Amino acid sequence: MTISNTLLGLLEAGPRHGYDLKHAYDERFGHDRPLHYGQVYSTLSRLLRNGLVEESGVEPGGGPERKRYAITEAGVTNLETWLTSPEDPAPYLQNTLYTKVVLALLSDRSATEILDHQRSAHLRAMRELTKRKTAGDLADQLICDHALFHLEADLRWLELTAARLDDLRTQVVT
């Protein structure tokens, strides 16, 4: 998810201040990683420079004046293009865990131990996500489901790899 496109999406409902955008972002998307104010304002500055937003007024505040930003037609077009473009599926053809398993085999270390430690870490993360999902609202449940499905796929890979370690050792070590 790109911050700039997300801010454009939030601005599509109407003009907002950077402060309001940060809070709307954090409320809907920043559960685990809220935005810093500097990120919001530097992103708005880039969007302004690129003609995707415009200033739609300035209001006095308790401190500096508060600029309101509105999405432009170019911003709407950009947002529409982003929303309707599918995300590239991310095939993890060469990941760190696979590299650790192969290096363990090459150095005569226990690849089974590496897989067991990883399995434990995945199960621990899944328990935490399940607890969070149970206590969360629908948005949190959907986010947790997404993460849980990825972790389940990783667990299937861990099991399959553990079952094939002898064959992998034969291919790697010879």
N, C-alpha and C. Protein backbone atom coordinates (compact mmCIF):
# COMPACT_ATOMS: atom_id res chain seq x y z
N MET A 1 0.86 -1.18 0.00
CA MET A 1 0.00 0.00 0.00
C MET A 1 0.90 1.23 0.00
N THR A 2 0.63 2.12 -0.89
CA THR A 2 1.42 3.34 -0.91
C THR A 2 0.69 4.41 -0.11
N ILE A 3 1.45 5.15 0.62
CA ILE A 3 0.88 6.21 1.45
C ILE A 3 0.26 7.28 0.57
N SER A 4 0.93 7.63 -0.53
CA SER A 4 0.39 8.71 -1.36
C SER A 4 -0.97 8.35 -1.94
N ASN A 5 -1.13 7.14 -2.45
CA ASN A 5 -2.43 6.74 -3.00
C ASN A 5 -3.48 6.62 -1.91
N THR A 6 -3.08 6.19 -0.74
CA THR A 6 -4.03 6.09 0.37
C THR A 6 -4.52 7.48 0.78
N LEU A 7 -3.60 8.44 0.84
CA LEU A 7 -4.01 9.81 1.17
C LEU A 7 -4.92 10.38 0.09
N LEU A 8 -4.63 10.08 -1.18
CA LEU A 8 -5.52 10.52 -2.26
C LEU A 8 -6.92 9.93 -2.06
N GLY A 9 -6.98 8.66 -1.71
CA GLY A 9 -8.26 8.02 -1.47
C GLY A 9 -9.03 8.65 -0.33
N LEU A 10 -8.32 9.05 0.72
CA LEU A 10 -8.97 9.72 1.85
C LEU A 10 -9.43 11.12 1.47
N LEU A 11 -8.69 11.78 0.58
CA LEU A 11 -9.07 13.13 0.15
C LEU A 11 -10.24 13.13 -0.83
N GLU A 12 -10.51 12.00 -1.45
CA GLU A 12 -11.58 11.95 -2.43
C GLU A 12 -12.94 12.28 -1.80
N ALA A 13 -13.09 12.01 -0.52
CA ALA A 13 -14.35 12.33 0.17
C ALA A 13 -14.51 13.82 0.41
N GLY A 14 -13.42 14.58 0.33
CA GLY A 14 -13.49 16.02 0.55
C GLY A 14 -12.19 16.55 1.10
N PRO A 15 -11.99 17.86 1.02
CA PRO A 15 -10.74 18.47 1.50
C PRO A 15 -10.50 18.20 2.99
N ARG A 16 -9.23 18.07 3.33
CA ARG A 16 -8.84 17.82 4.72
C ARG A 16 -7.49 18.47 5.01
N HIS A 17 -7.23 18.63 6.29
CA HIS A 17 -5.93 19.09 6.77
C HIS A 17 -5.02 17.87 6.91
N GLY A 18 -3.73 18.11 6.90
CA GLY A 18 -2.78 17.02 7.11
C GLY A 18 -3.03 16.29 8.42
N TYR A 19 -3.34 17.04 9.45
CA TYR A 19 -3.62 16.45 10.77
C TYR A 19 -4.80 15.48 10.68
N ASP A 20 -5.86 15.88 9.99
CA ASP A 20 -7.03 15.01 9.83
C ASP A 20 -6.70 13.77 9.00
N LEU A 21 -5.88 13.96 7.97
CA LEU A 21 -5.50 12.82 7.13
C LEU A 21 -4.71 11.79 7.94
N LYS A 22 -3.80 12.27 8.77
CA LYS A 22 -3.01 11.36 9.60
C LYS A 22 -3.92 10.53 10.50
N HIS A 23 -4.87 11.18 11.13
CA HIS A 23 -5.77 10.46 12.04
C HIS A 23 -6.68 9.49 11.28
N ALA A 24 -7.17 9.88 10.13
CA ALA A 24 -8.01 8.98 9.34
C ALA A 24 -7.20 7.77 8.87
N TYR A 25 -5.96 8.01 8.45
CA TYR A 25 -5.08 6.92 8.02
C TYR A 25 -4.83 5.97 9.18
N ASP A 26 -4.42 6.52 10.31
CA ASP A 26 -4.09 5.69 11.47
C ASP A 26 -5.29 4.87 11.93
N GLU A 27 -6.46 5.47 11.88
CA GLU A 27 -7.68 4.79 12.33
C GLU A 27 -8.02 3.59 11.44
N ARG A 28 -7.84 3.76 10.13
CA ARG A 28 -8.24 2.71 9.20
C ARG A 28 -7.12 1.77 8.79
N PHE A 29 -5.89 2.27 8.70
CA PHE A 29 -4.82 1.48 8.11
C PHE A 29 -3.56 1.38 8.98
N GLY A 30 -3.43 2.20 9.98
CA GLY A 30 -2.17 2.27 10.72
C GLY A 30 -2.18 1.53 12.03
N HIS A 31 -2.93 0.44 12.12
CA HIS A 31 -3.02 -0.28 13.39
C HIS A 31 -1.66 -0.65 13.95
N ASP A 32 -0.80 -1.16 13.10
CA ASP A 32 0.51 -1.58 13.56
C ASP A 32 1.61 -0.56 13.30
N ARG A 33 1.35 0.32 12.34
CA ARG A 33 2.36 1.32 12.00
C ARG A 33 1.70 2.65 11.67
N PRO A 34 1.40 3.45 12.70
CA PRO A 34 0.81 4.75 12.42
C PRO A 34 1.81 5.65 11.68
N LEU A 35 1.25 6.57 10.91
CA LEU A 35 2.09 7.51 10.16
C LEU A 35 2.68 8.55 11.09
N HIS A 36 3.84 9.01 10.73
CA HIS A 36 4.43 10.16 11.41
C HIS A 36 3.93 11.40 10.70
N TYR A 37 3.79 12.48 11.43
CA TYR A 37 3.32 13.73 10.81
C TYR A 37 4.23 14.14 9.66
N GLY A 38 5.53 13.94 9.83
CA GLY A 38 6.47 14.29 8.77
C GLY A 38 6.19 13.53 7.48
N GLN A 39 5.80 12.26 7.60
CA GLN A 39 5.45 11.46 6.42
C GLN A 39 4.24 12.06 5.71
N VAL A 40 3.26 12.46 6.49
CA VAL A 40 2.04 13.01 5.90
C VAL A 40 2.36 14.28 5.13
N TYR A 41 3.08 15.19 5.76
CA TYR A 41 3.34 16.48 5.12
C TYR A 41 4.33 16.37 3.96
N SER A 42 5.30 15.48 4.05
CA SER A 42 6.21 15.32 2.90
C SER A 42 5.47 14.65 1.74
N THR A 43 4.55 13.74 2.03
CA THR A 43 3.75 13.12 0.97
C THR A 43 2.81 14.14 0.34
N LEU A 44 2.17 14.95 1.16
CA LEU A 44 1.30 15.99 0.62
C LEU A 44 2.08 16.98 -0.23
N SER A 45 3.30 17.28 0.16
CA SER A 45 4.14 18.19 -0.61
C SER A 45 4.45 17.60 -1.99
N ARG A 46 4.76 16.30 -2.04
CA ARG A 46 5.01 15.64 -3.33
C ARG A 46 3.74 15.60 -4.18
N LEU A 47 2.61 15.28 -3.55
CA LEU A 47 1.34 15.24 -4.29
C LEU A 47 1.00 16.62 -4.86
N LEU A 48 1.27 17.66 -4.08
CA LEU A 48 1.03 19.04 -4.52
C LEU A 48 1.94 19.38 -5.70
N ARG A 49 3.21 19.05 -5.57
CA ARG A 49 4.19 19.31 -6.63
C ARG A 49 3.82 18.57 -7.92
N ASN A 50 3.25 17.37 -7.78
CA ASN A 50 2.90 16.55 -8.95
C ASN A 50 1.50 16.85 -9.49
N GLY A 51 0.82 17.82 -8.89
CA GLY A 51 -0.49 18.22 -9.38
C GLY A 51 -1.63 17.27 -9.03
N LEU A 52 -1.41 16.40 -8.06
CA LEU A 52 -2.45 15.43 -7.69
C LEU A 52 -3.35 15.95 -6.57
N VAL A 53 -2.86 16.95 -5.84
CA VAL A 53 -3.68 17.66 -4.84
C VAL A 53 -3.42 19.15 -5.02
N GLU A 54 -4.30 19.93 -4.43
CA GLU A 54 -4.14 21.38 -4.43
C GLU A 54 -4.54 21.91 -3.07
N GLU A 55 -4.03 23.08 -2.74
CA GLU A 55 -4.46 23.72 -1.51
C GLU A 55 -5.85 24.26 -1.73
N SER A 56 -6.74 24.02 -0.77
CA SER A 56 -8.12 24.49 -0.95
C SER A 56 -8.52 25.45 0.16
N GLY A 57 -7.54 26.03 0.78
CA GLY A 57 -7.82 27.02 1.81
C GLY A 57 -6.85 26.91 2.96
N VAL A 58 -6.79 28.00 3.70
CA VAL A 58 -5.93 28.06 4.88
C VAL A 58 -6.77 28.59 6.02
N GLU A 59 -6.65 27.94 7.18
CA GLU A 59 -7.40 28.37 8.35
C GLU A 59 -6.44 28.65 9.48
N PRO A 60 -6.75 29.65 10.28
CA PRO A 60 -5.89 29.88 11.45
C PRO A 60 -6.10 28.75 12.45
N GLY A 61 -5.03 28.37 13.12
CA GLY A 61 -5.13 27.33 14.14
C GLY A 61 -4.51 27.81 15.42
N GLY A 62 -4.35 26.91 16.37
CA GLY A 62 -3.72 27.25 17.63
C GLY A 62 -2.25 27.55 17.45
N GLY A 63 -1.66 27.06 16.39
CA GLY A 63 -0.26 27.29 16.07
C GLY A 63 -0.18 27.88 14.68
N PRO A 64 0.57 27.21 13.81
CA PRO A 64 0.66 27.72 12.44
C PRO A 64 -0.67 27.55 11.70
N GLU A 65 -0.79 28.28 10.62
CA GLU A 65 -2.01 28.18 9.82
C GLU A 65 -2.16 26.76 9.30
N ARG A 66 -3.39 26.30 9.20
CA ARG A 66 -3.65 24.94 8.75
C ARG A 66 -4.13 24.96 7.30
N LYS A 67 -3.35 24.31 6.44
CA LYS A 67 -3.71 24.22 5.02
C LYS A 67 -4.65 23.04 4.82
N ARG A 68 -5.65 23.29 3.99
CA ARG A 68 -6.55 22.21 3.59
C ARG A 68 -6.14 21.76 2.19
N TYR A 69 -6.18 20.48 1.98
CA TYR A 69 -5.80 19.91 0.70
C TYR A 69 -7.00 19.22 0.07
N ALA A 70 -7.09 19.33 -1.26
CA ALA A 70 -8.16 18.68 -2.00
C ALA A 70 -7.54 17.91 -3.16
N ILE A 71 -8.16 16.82 -3.53
CA ILE A 71 -7.69 16.02 -4.65
C ILE A 71 -8.05 16.73 -5.95
N THR A 72 -7.17 16.69 -6.94
CA THR A 72 -7.44 17.29 -8.25
C THR A 72 -7.98 16.20 -9.18
N GLU A 73 -8.39 16.60 -10.38
CA GLU A 73 -8.85 15.62 -11.38
C GLU A 73 -7.72 14.64 -11.71
N ALA A 74 -6.50 15.16 -11.81
CA ALA A 74 -5.35 14.28 -12.08
C ALA A 74 -5.17 13.30 -10.92
N GLY A 75 -5.42 13.76 -9.70
CA GLY A 75 -5.33 12.89 -8.53
C GLY A 75 -6.39 11.80 -8.56
N VAL A 76 -7.60 12.15 -8.98
CA VAL A 76 -8.68 11.17 -9.09
C VAL A 76 -8.31 10.12 -10.13
N THR A 77 -7.78 10.57 -11.27
CA THR A 77 -7.37 9.64 -12.32
C THR A 77 -6.27 8.71 -11.82
N ASN A 78 -5.29 9.29 -11.12
CA ASN A 78 -4.20 8.50 -10.57
C ASN A 78 -4.73 7.46 -9.59
N LEU A 79 -5.63 7.88 -8.72
CA LEU A 79 -6.21 6.97 -7.73
C LEU A 79 -7.00 5.86 -8.41
N GLU A 80 -7.79 6.21 -9.41
CA GLU A 80 -8.59 5.22 -10.14
C GLU A 80 -7.68 4.18 -10.80
N THR A 81 -6.61 4.64 -11.40
CA THR A 81 -5.65 3.72 -12.04
C THR A 81 -5.06 2.78 -11.01
N TRP A 82 -4.66 3.32 -9.87
CA TRP A 82 -4.06 2.49 -8.82
C TRP A 82 -5.07 1.49 -8.27
N LEU A 83 -6.29 1.94 -8.00
CA LEU A 83 -7.30 1.05 -7.42
C LEU A 83 -7.67 -0.10 -8.36
N THR A 84 -7.69 0.16 -9.64
CA THR A 84 -8.13 -0.86 -10.59
C THR A 84 -6.99 -1.71 -11.14
N SER A 85 -5.76 -1.41 -10.74
CA SER A 85 -4.61 -2.21 -11.18
C SER A 85 -4.34 -3.31 -10.15
N PRO A 86 -4.33 -4.57 -10.60
CA PRO A 86 -4.07 -5.64 -9.63
C PRO A 86 -2.65 -5.55 -9.09
N GLU A 87 -2.49 -5.95 -7.86
CA GLU A 87 -1.17 -6.02 -7.25
C GLU A 87 -0.43 -7.21 -7.85
N ASP A 88 0.86 -7.08 -8.04
CA ASP A 88 1.64 -8.21 -8.53
C ASP A 88 1.69 -9.28 -7.46
N PRO A 89 1.29 -10.51 -7.81
CA PRO A 89 1.47 -11.59 -6.84
C PRO A 89 2.97 -11.72 -6.56
N ALA A 90 3.30 -11.86 -5.31
CA ALA A 90 4.70 -11.89 -4.93
C ALA A 90 5.17 -13.33 -4.70
N PRO A 91 5.66 -13.97 -5.76
CA PRO A 91 6.17 -15.32 -5.56
C PRO A 91 7.53 -15.24 -4.86
N TYR A 92 7.63 -15.93 -3.76
CA TYR A 92 8.87 -15.91 -2.99
C TYR A 92 9.74 -17.06 -3.47
N LEU A 93 10.33 -16.88 -4.65
CA LEU A 93 11.10 -17.97 -5.23
C LEU A 93 12.44 -18.18 -4.54
N GLN A 94 12.96 -17.19 -3.90
CA GLN A 94 14.21 -17.34 -3.18
C GLN A 94 14.08 -16.57 -1.88
N ASN A 95 13.74 -17.25 -0.81
CA ASN A 95 13.57 -16.51 0.43
C ASN A 95 14.67 -16.85 1.43
N THR A 96 14.71 -16.09 2.48
CA THR A 96 15.75 -16.23 3.49
C THR A 96 15.69 -17.59 4.18
N LEU A 97 14.51 -18.07 4.46
CA LEU A 97 14.39 -19.34 5.15
C LEU A 97 14.95 -20.49 4.31
N TYR A 98 14.64 -20.49 3.03
CA TYR A 98 15.21 -21.52 2.15
C TYR A 98 16.73 -21.44 2.16
N THR A 99 17.26 -20.23 2.12
CA THR A 99 18.71 -20.04 2.15
C THR A 99 19.31 -20.60 3.43
N LYS A 100 18.65 -20.36 4.57
CA LYS A 100 19.14 -20.88 5.85
C LYS A 100 19.16 -22.41 5.84
N VAL A 101 18.11 -23.03 5.30
CA VAL A 101 18.04 -24.49 5.26
C VAL A 101 19.18 -25.05 4.41
N VAL A 102 19.40 -24.48 3.24
CA VAL A 102 20.47 -24.97 2.36
C VAL A 102 21.83 -24.76 3.01
N LEU A 103 22.05 -23.59 3.61
CA LEU A 103 23.34 -23.34 4.27
C LEU A 103 23.55 -24.29 5.45
N ALA A 104 22.49 -24.60 6.17
CA ALA A 104 22.60 -25.57 7.27
C ALA A 104 23.02 -26.93 6.72
N LEU A 105 22.42 -27.35 5.63
CA LEU A 105 22.78 -28.63 5.02
C LEU A 105 24.23 -28.62 4.53
N LEU A 106 24.63 -27.52 3.91
CA LEU A 106 26.00 -27.42 3.40
C LEU A 106 27.05 -27.43 4.52
N SER A 107 26.69 -26.91 5.67
CA SER A 107 27.65 -26.82 6.79
C SER A 107 27.45 -27.92 7.81
N ASP A 108 26.64 -28.90 7.46
CA ASP A 108 26.38 -30.05 8.33
C ASP A 108 25.76 -29.65 9.67
N ARG A 109 24.94 -28.59 9.62
CA ARG A 109 24.15 -28.19 10.79
C ARG A 109 22.78 -28.83 10.67
N SER A 110 21.98 -28.69 11.71
CA SER A 110 20.65 -29.30 11.71
C SER A 110 19.63 -28.40 11.03
N ALA A 111 19.27 -28.76 9.81
CA ALA A 111 18.21 -28.04 9.10
C ALA A 111 16.86 -28.29 9.78
N THR A 112 16.71 -29.45 10.37
CA THR A 112 15.47 -29.77 11.08
C THR A 112 15.27 -28.80 12.24
N GLU A 113 16.33 -28.49 12.94
CA GLU A 113 16.25 -27.55 14.06
C GLU A 113 15.84 -26.16 13.57
N ILE A 114 16.40 -25.74 12.45
CA ILE A 114 16.04 -24.43 11.88
C ILE A 114 14.55 -24.41 11.54
N LEU A 115 14.06 -25.47 10.89
CA LEU A 115 12.64 -25.55 10.53
C LEU A 115 11.76 -25.60 11.79
N ASP A 116 12.19 -26.32 12.82
CA ASP A 116 11.41 -26.39 14.06
C ASP A 116 11.31 -25.04 14.75
N HIS A 117 12.42 -24.30 14.79
CA HIS A 117 12.40 -22.96 15.40
C HIS A 117 11.47 -22.03 14.63
N GLN A 118 11.54 -22.14 13.31
CA GLN A 118 10.69 -21.29 12.48
C GLN A 118 9.22 -21.66 12.65
N ARG A 119 8.93 -22.94 12.71
CA ARG A 119 7.56 -23.40 12.93
C ARG A 119 7.02 -22.84 14.26
N SER A 120 7.84 -22.89 15.30
CA SER A 120 7.43 -22.35 16.60
C SER A 120 7.14 -20.86 16.52
N ALA A 121 8.00 -20.13 15.81
CA ALA A 121 7.80 -18.68 15.67
C ALA A 121 6.51 -18.40 14.89
N HIS A 122 6.25 -19.18 13.85
CA HIS A 122 5.01 -19.00 13.07
C HIS A 122 3.78 -19.30 13.92
N LEU A 123 3.83 -20.38 14.67
CA LEU A 123 2.67 -20.74 15.52
C LEU A 123 2.43 -19.68 16.59
N ARG A 124 3.49 -19.15 17.15
CA ARG A 124 3.36 -18.07 18.15
C ARG A 124 2.69 -16.84 17.51
N ALA A 125 3.15 -16.47 16.33
CA ALA A 125 2.56 -15.32 15.63
C ALA A 125 1.10 -15.59 15.29
N MET A 126 0.78 -16.81 14.91
CA MET A 126 -0.60 -17.15 14.58
C MET A 126 -1.51 -17.08 15.81
N ARG A 127 -1.00 -17.50 16.96
CA ARG A 127 -1.79 -17.40 18.19
C ARG A 127 -2.08 -15.93 18.53
N GLU A 128 -1.06 -15.08 18.38
CA GLU A 128 -1.25 -13.65 18.66
C GLU A 128 -2.25 -13.02 17.70
N LEU A 129 -2.15 -13.37 16.43
CA LEU A 129 -3.09 -12.83 15.44
C LEU A 129 -4.51 -13.34 15.69
N THR A 130 -4.64 -14.59 16.08
CA THR A 130 -5.97 -15.14 16.36
C THR A 130 -6.60 -14.44 17.55
N LYS A 131 -5.80 -14.15 18.58
CA LYS A 131 -6.29 -13.42 19.74
C LYS A 131 -6.73 -12.02 19.33
N ARG A 132 -5.90 -11.36 18.53
CA ARG A 132 -6.22 -10.01 18.05
C ARG A 132 -7.48 -10.02 17.19
N LYS A 133 -7.60 -11.03 16.34
CA LYS A 133 -8.76 -11.16 15.46
C LYS A 133 -10.04 -11.33 16.27
N THR A 134 -9.99 -12.12 17.30
CA THR A 134 -11.16 -12.37 18.14
C THR A 134 -11.65 -11.11 18.82
N ALA A 135 -10.71 -10.25 19.21
CA ALA A 135 -11.08 -9.03 19.92
C ALA A 135 -11.32 -7.85 18.99
N GLY A 136 -11.00 -8.01 17.71
CA GLY A 136 -11.04 -6.87 16.81
C GLY A 136 -12.35 -6.66 16.10
N ASP A 137 -12.43 -5.50 15.44
CA ASP A 137 -13.59 -5.20 14.60
C ASP A 137 -13.39 -5.88 13.24
N LEU A 138 -14.33 -5.69 12.33
CA LEU A 138 -14.27 -6.38 11.05
C LEU A 138 -13.00 -6.06 10.28
N ALA A 139 -12.58 -4.79 10.28
CA ALA A 139 -11.35 -4.43 9.56
C ALA A 139 -10.15 -5.18 10.14
N ASP A 140 -10.06 -5.23 11.46
CA ASP A 140 -8.96 -5.94 12.10
C ASP A 140 -9.04 -7.44 11.80
N GLN A 141 -10.24 -7.98 11.78
CA GLN A 141 -10.41 -9.40 11.47
C GLN A 141 -9.92 -9.72 10.06
N LEU A 142 -10.26 -8.86 9.11
CA LEU A 142 -9.82 -9.09 7.73
C LEU A 142 -8.31 -8.98 7.59
N ILE A 143 -7.71 -8.00 8.25
CA ILE A 143 -6.26 -7.85 8.22
C ILE A 143 -5.58 -9.06 8.84
N CYS A 144 -6.12 -9.52 9.96
CA CYS A 144 -5.54 -10.69 10.63
C CYS A 144 -5.72 -11.94 9.77
N ASP A 145 -6.88 -12.10 9.14
CA ASP A 145 -7.09 -13.25 8.25
C ASP A 145 -6.05 -13.28 7.14
N HIS A 146 -5.79 -12.14 6.54
CA HIS A 146 -4.79 -12.06 5.47
C HIS A 146 -3.44 -12.57 5.98
N ALA A 147 -3.01 -12.07 7.11
CA ALA A 147 -1.73 -12.48 7.68
C ALA A 147 -1.75 -13.96 8.06
N LEU A 148 -2.85 -14.43 8.63
CA LEU A 148 -2.95 -15.84 9.02
C LEU A 148 -2.87 -16.78 7.82
N PHE A 149 -3.51 -16.41 6.73
CA PHE A 149 -3.45 -17.26 5.53
C PHE A 149 -2.02 -17.35 5.00
N HIS A 150 -1.28 -16.25 5.05
CA HIS A 150 0.12 -16.28 4.62
C HIS A 150 0.96 -17.16 5.55
N LEU A 151 0.72 -17.04 6.84
CA LEU A 151 1.45 -17.87 7.80
C LEU A 151 1.11 -19.35 7.62
N GLU A 152 -0.15 -19.65 7.34
CA GLU A 152 -0.54 -21.05 7.08
C GLU A 152 0.19 -21.61 5.86
N ALA A 153 0.30 -20.80 4.82
CA ALA A 153 1.03 -21.25 3.63
C ALA A 153 2.50 -21.50 3.98
N ASP A 154 3.08 -20.62 4.78
CA ASP A 154 4.46 -20.82 5.21
C ASP A 154 4.59 -22.13 6.00
N LEU A 155 3.63 -22.40 6.87
CA LEU A 155 3.67 -23.64 7.66
C LEU A 155 3.61 -24.87 6.75
N ARG A 156 2.78 -24.80 5.73
CA ARG A 156 2.71 -25.93 4.79
C ARG A 156 4.07 -26.13 4.12
N TRP A 157 4.72 -25.01 3.76
CA TRP A 157 6.04 -25.11 3.15
C TRP A 157 7.04 -25.71 4.14
N LEU A 158 6.99 -25.29 5.39
CA LEU A 158 7.90 -25.82 6.41
C LEU A 158 7.73 -27.33 6.54
N GLU A 159 6.49 -27.80 6.58
CA GLU A 159 6.22 -29.24 6.70
C GLU A 159 6.71 -30.00 5.47
N LEU A 160 6.44 -29.46 4.30
CA LEU A 160 6.88 -30.10 3.06
C LEU A 160 8.40 -30.16 2.99
N THR A 161 9.04 -29.09 3.36
CA THR A 161 10.50 -29.05 3.34
C THR A 161 11.09 -30.04 4.34
N ALA A 162 10.51 -30.10 5.53
CA ALA A 162 10.98 -31.06 6.54
C ALA A 162 10.86 -32.49 6.01
N ALA A 163 9.79 -32.78 5.30
CA ALA A 163 9.60 -34.12 4.75
C ALA A 163 10.57 -34.42 3.61
N ARG A 164 11.10 -33.39 2.98
CA ARG A 164 12.00 -33.58 1.83
C ARG A 164 13.47 -33.29 2.15
N LEU A 165 13.80 -33.13 3.42
CA LEU A 165 15.16 -32.75 3.78
C LEU A 165 16.21 -33.73 3.29
N ASP A 166 15.94 -35.02 3.38
CA ASP A 166 16.93 -36.00 2.93
C ASP A 166 17.21 -35.86 1.44
N ASP A 167 16.14 -35.67 0.64
CA ASP A 167 16.33 -35.48 -0.79
C ASP A 167 17.07 -34.18 -1.09
N LEU A 168 16.74 -33.13 -0.36
CA LEU A 168 17.40 -31.84 -0.55
C LEU A 168 18.88 -31.95 -0.18
N ARG A 169 19.15 -32.64 0.91
CA ARG A 169 20.54 -32.83 1.35
C ARG A 169 21.33 -33.53 0.25
N THR A 170 20.73 -34.54 -0.36
CA THR A 170 21.41 -35.29 -1.43
C THR A 170 21.72 -34.35 -2.61
N GLN A 171 20.79 -33.51 -2.97
CA GLN A 171 21.01 -32.60 -4.11
C GLN A 171 22.00 -31.49 -3.79
N VAL A 172 21.96 -31.00 -2.57
CA VAL A 172 22.77 -29.84 -2.20
C VAL A 172 24.20 -30.22 -1.86
N VAL A 173 24.38 -31.29 -1.15
CA VAL A 173 25.70 -31.65 -0.63
C VAL A 173 26.55 -32.34 -1.69
N THR A 174 25.95 -32.99 -2.66
CA THR A 174 26.77 -33.71 -3.65
C THR A 174 27.26 -32.81 -4.74
